[in-house]
């Protein structure tokens, strides 16, 4: 499999951290039902189903959940550009609501804006999905602190 990162082609994506494995270790990701739809170095797509227990009237996803899903997508995208054995933690993120977050699920498309050794920046567009139609409902910008995992 060949991918490109900026101007540098990557022929072996196994040299990067695995976003799917990293997310599976996070209890809040499991609790919210967040699933990885697709993952490649520098880009991760995640989704979260609507759950009434996490909703606001009238049947909307709260802005904070739009932010969380966008952060997961953006930060995971940054982590996916790190070497194996590395991880990252969100330093901060901001969410801007651009529409109603109402639908069957949310979908966030994350991407790396800057991949650094200790600090990375990612972004995500978050969409509400209803009847197969995507409506942009939020934009997230996230900063991660990257670190080597020492066991």
Protein backbone atom coordinates (compact mmCIF):
# COMPACT_ATOMS: atom_id res chain seq x y z
CA UNK A 1 0.00 0.00 0.00
CA UNK A 2 1.36 3.41 -0.91
CA UNK A 3 0.21 6.65 0.65
CA UNK A 4 1.58 10.14 0.43
CA UNK A 5 2.27 12.52 3.26
CA UNK A 6 2.94 15.97 1.98
CA UNK A 7 5.63 15.52 -0.64
CA UNK A 8 7.02 12.33 0.88
CA UNK A 9 5.56 9.01 -0.30
CA UNK A 10 5.11 6.37 2.37
CA UNK A 11 5.34 2.81 1.16
CA UNK A 12 4.86 1.06 4.48
CA UNK A 13 2.02 2.49 6.54
CA UNK A 14 2.83 0.01 9.33
CA UNK A 15 5.59 2.36 10.47
CA UNK A 16 2.92 4.71 11.88
CA UNK A 17 0.85 4.54 15.05
CA UNK A 18 -2.51 2.82 14.58
CA UNK A 19 -5.42 5.20 15.30
CA UNK A 20 -7.91 2.31 15.54
CA UNK A 21 -5.89 0.57 18.25
CA UNK A 22 -5.37 3.81 20.16
CA UNK A 23 -9.07 4.74 20.12
CA UNK A 24 -10.13 1.26 21.21
CA UNK A 25 -8.22 1.83 24.47
CA UNK A 26 -10.24 4.94 25.42
CA UNK A 27 -13.28 4.22 27.64
CA UNK A 28 -15.17 7.39 26.61
CA UNK A 29 -14.90 6.39 22.94
CA UNK A 30 -16.54 3.04 23.72
CA UNK A 31 -19.20 4.62 25.95
CA UNK A 32 -20.24 7.11 23.26
CA UNK A 33 -20.30 4.39 20.57
CA UNK A 34 -17.67 6.14 18.44
CA UNK A 35 -16.49 3.96 15.56
CA UNK A 36 -13.64 4.39 13.12
CA UNK A 37 -15.01 4.43 9.58
CA UNK A 38 -11.65 4.84 7.82
CA UNK A 39 -8.07 5.52 8.84
CA UNK A 40 -4.93 6.33 6.89
CA UNK A 41 -1.78 8.21 7.89
CA UNK A 42 -2.93 11.81 8.34
CA UNK A 43 -6.67 11.24 7.92
CA UNK A 44 -9.23 9.55 10.15
CA UNK A 45 -13.02 9.39 9.78
CA UNK A 46 -15.15 8.54 12.82
CA UNK A 47 -18.87 8.35 13.49
CA UNK A 48 -21.15 8.36 16.51
CA UNK A 49 -24.76 7.17 16.56
CA UNK A 50 -27.54 9.28 18.02
CA UNK A 51 -28.42 8.23 21.57
CA UNK A 52 -31.29 9.86 23.42
CA UNK A 53 -29.43 9.66 26.74
CA UNK A 54 -26.78 11.99 25.32
CA UNK A 55 -29.15 14.37 23.52
CA UNK A 56 -30.59 17.82 24.03
CA UNK A 57 -34.16 18.74 23.12
CA UNK A 58 -35.42 18.51 20.47
CA UNK A 59 -33.41 15.40 19.55
CA UNK A 60 -30.14 17.20 18.87
CA UNK A 61 -26.55 16.27 19.59
CA UNK A 62 -25.16 18.79 22.11
CA UNK A 63 -22.45 21.12 20.78
CA UNK A 64 -20.04 19.53 23.27
CA UNK A 65 -20.52 16.14 21.57
CA UNK A 66 -19.92 17.68 18.15
CA UNK A 67 -16.68 19.00 19.65
CA UNK A 68 -15.72 15.66 21.18
CA UNK A 69 -16.26 13.77 17.92
CA UNK A 70 -14.34 16.41 15.97
CA UNK A 71 -11.53 16.26 18.51
CA UNK A 72 -11.37 12.46 18.23
CA UNK A 73 -11.12 12.71 14.43
CA UNK A 74 -8.59 15.56 14.41
CA UNK A 75 -6.39 14.19 17.22
CA UNK A 76 -6.49 10.65 15.79
CA UNK A 77 -5.39 12.03 12.45
CA UNK A 78 -2.39 13.60 14.18
CA UNK A 79 -1.63 10.39 16.07
CA UNK A 80 -1.80 8.43 12.82
CA UNK A 81 1.25 10.38 11.59
CA UNK A 82 3.35 9.44 14.63
CA UNK A 83 5.85 6.58 14.64
CA UNK A 84 4.78 3.26 16.14
CA UNK A 85 5.13 3.35 19.91
CA UNK A 86 3.97 6.98 20.14
CA UNK A 87 0.63 8.46 21.20
CA UNK A 88 -0.89 11.87 21.70
CA UNK A 89 -3.14 13.74 24.08
CA UNK A 90 -5.35 16.70 23.28
CA UNK A 91 -3.98 19.96 24.65
CA UNK A 92 -6.99 21.96 23.51
CA UNK A 93 -9.68 22.13 20.89
CA UNK A 94 -12.27 24.58 19.70
CA UNK A 95 -15.59 23.84 18.05
CA UNK A 96 -17.57 26.20 15.87
CA UNK A 97 -21.16 25.20 15.24
CA UNK A 98 -22.19 25.80 11.64
CA UNK A 99 -25.62 24.14 11.60
CA UNK A 100 -28.07 21.97 13.48
CA UNK A 101 -26.59 18.78 14.88
CA UNK A 102 -29.67 16.67 14.35
CA UNK A 103 -29.73 13.28 12.70
CA UNK A 104 -29.23 9.54 12.97
CA UNK A 105 -25.51 9.95 13.57
CA UNK A 106 -22.58 12.33 13.40
CA UNK A 107 -19.64 11.82 11.05
CA UNK A 108 -16.31 13.62 11.49
CA UNK A 109 -13.59 13.77 8.84
CA UNK A 110 -10.25 14.56 10.47
CA UNK A 111 -7.00 15.64 8.88
CA UNK A 112 -3.55 16.78 9.92
CA UNK A 113 -2.70 20.44 9.42
CA UNK A 114 0.77 20.28 11.00
CA UNK A 115 2.55 17.14 12.16
CA UNK A 116 5.33 17.93 14.62
CA UNK A 117 7.50 15.82 16.88
CA UNK A 118 6.01 17.13 20.13
CA UNK A 119 3.02 19.22 19.02
CA UNK A 120 0.61 18.54 16.15
CA UNK A 121 -2.45 20.38 14.89
CA UNK A 122 -5.46 18.76 13.25
CA UNK A 123 -8.87 19.79 12.02
CA UNK A 124 -12.18 18.04 11.46
CA UNK A 125 -15.42 18.80 9.70
CA UNK A 126 -18.41 17.31 11.52
CA UNK A 127 -21.59 16.37 9.68
CA UNK A 128 -25.06 15.39 10.88
CA UNK A 129 -26.35 12.45 8.84
CA UNK A 130 -30.08 12.12 8.28
CA UNK A 131 -31.58 9.89 5.60
CA UNK A 132 -28.19 9.47 3.95
CA UNK A 133 -27.75 13.25 3.58
CA UNK A 134 -24.77 15.03 5.15
CA UNK A 135 -25.19 18.49 6.65
CA UNK A 136 -22.14 20.31 7.99
CA UNK A 137 -22.85 21.11 11.63
CA UNK A 138 -19.43 21.90 13.08
CA UNK A 139 -15.75 22.55 12.52
CA UNK A 140 -13.07 21.60 15.05
CA UNK A 141 -9.43 22.64 15.40
CA UNK A 142 -7.36 20.54 17.83
CA UNK A 143 -3.80 20.59 19.19
CA UNK A 144 -2.12 17.44 20.49
CA UNK A 145 0.93 16.81 22.66
CA UNK A 146 2.82 13.85 21.25
CA UNK A 147 4.81 11.46 23.44
CA UNK A 148 6.58 8.14 23.31
CA UNK A 149 4.73 5.42 25.18
CA UNK A 150 7.03 3.88 27.78
CA UNK A 151 5.93 0.59 29.24
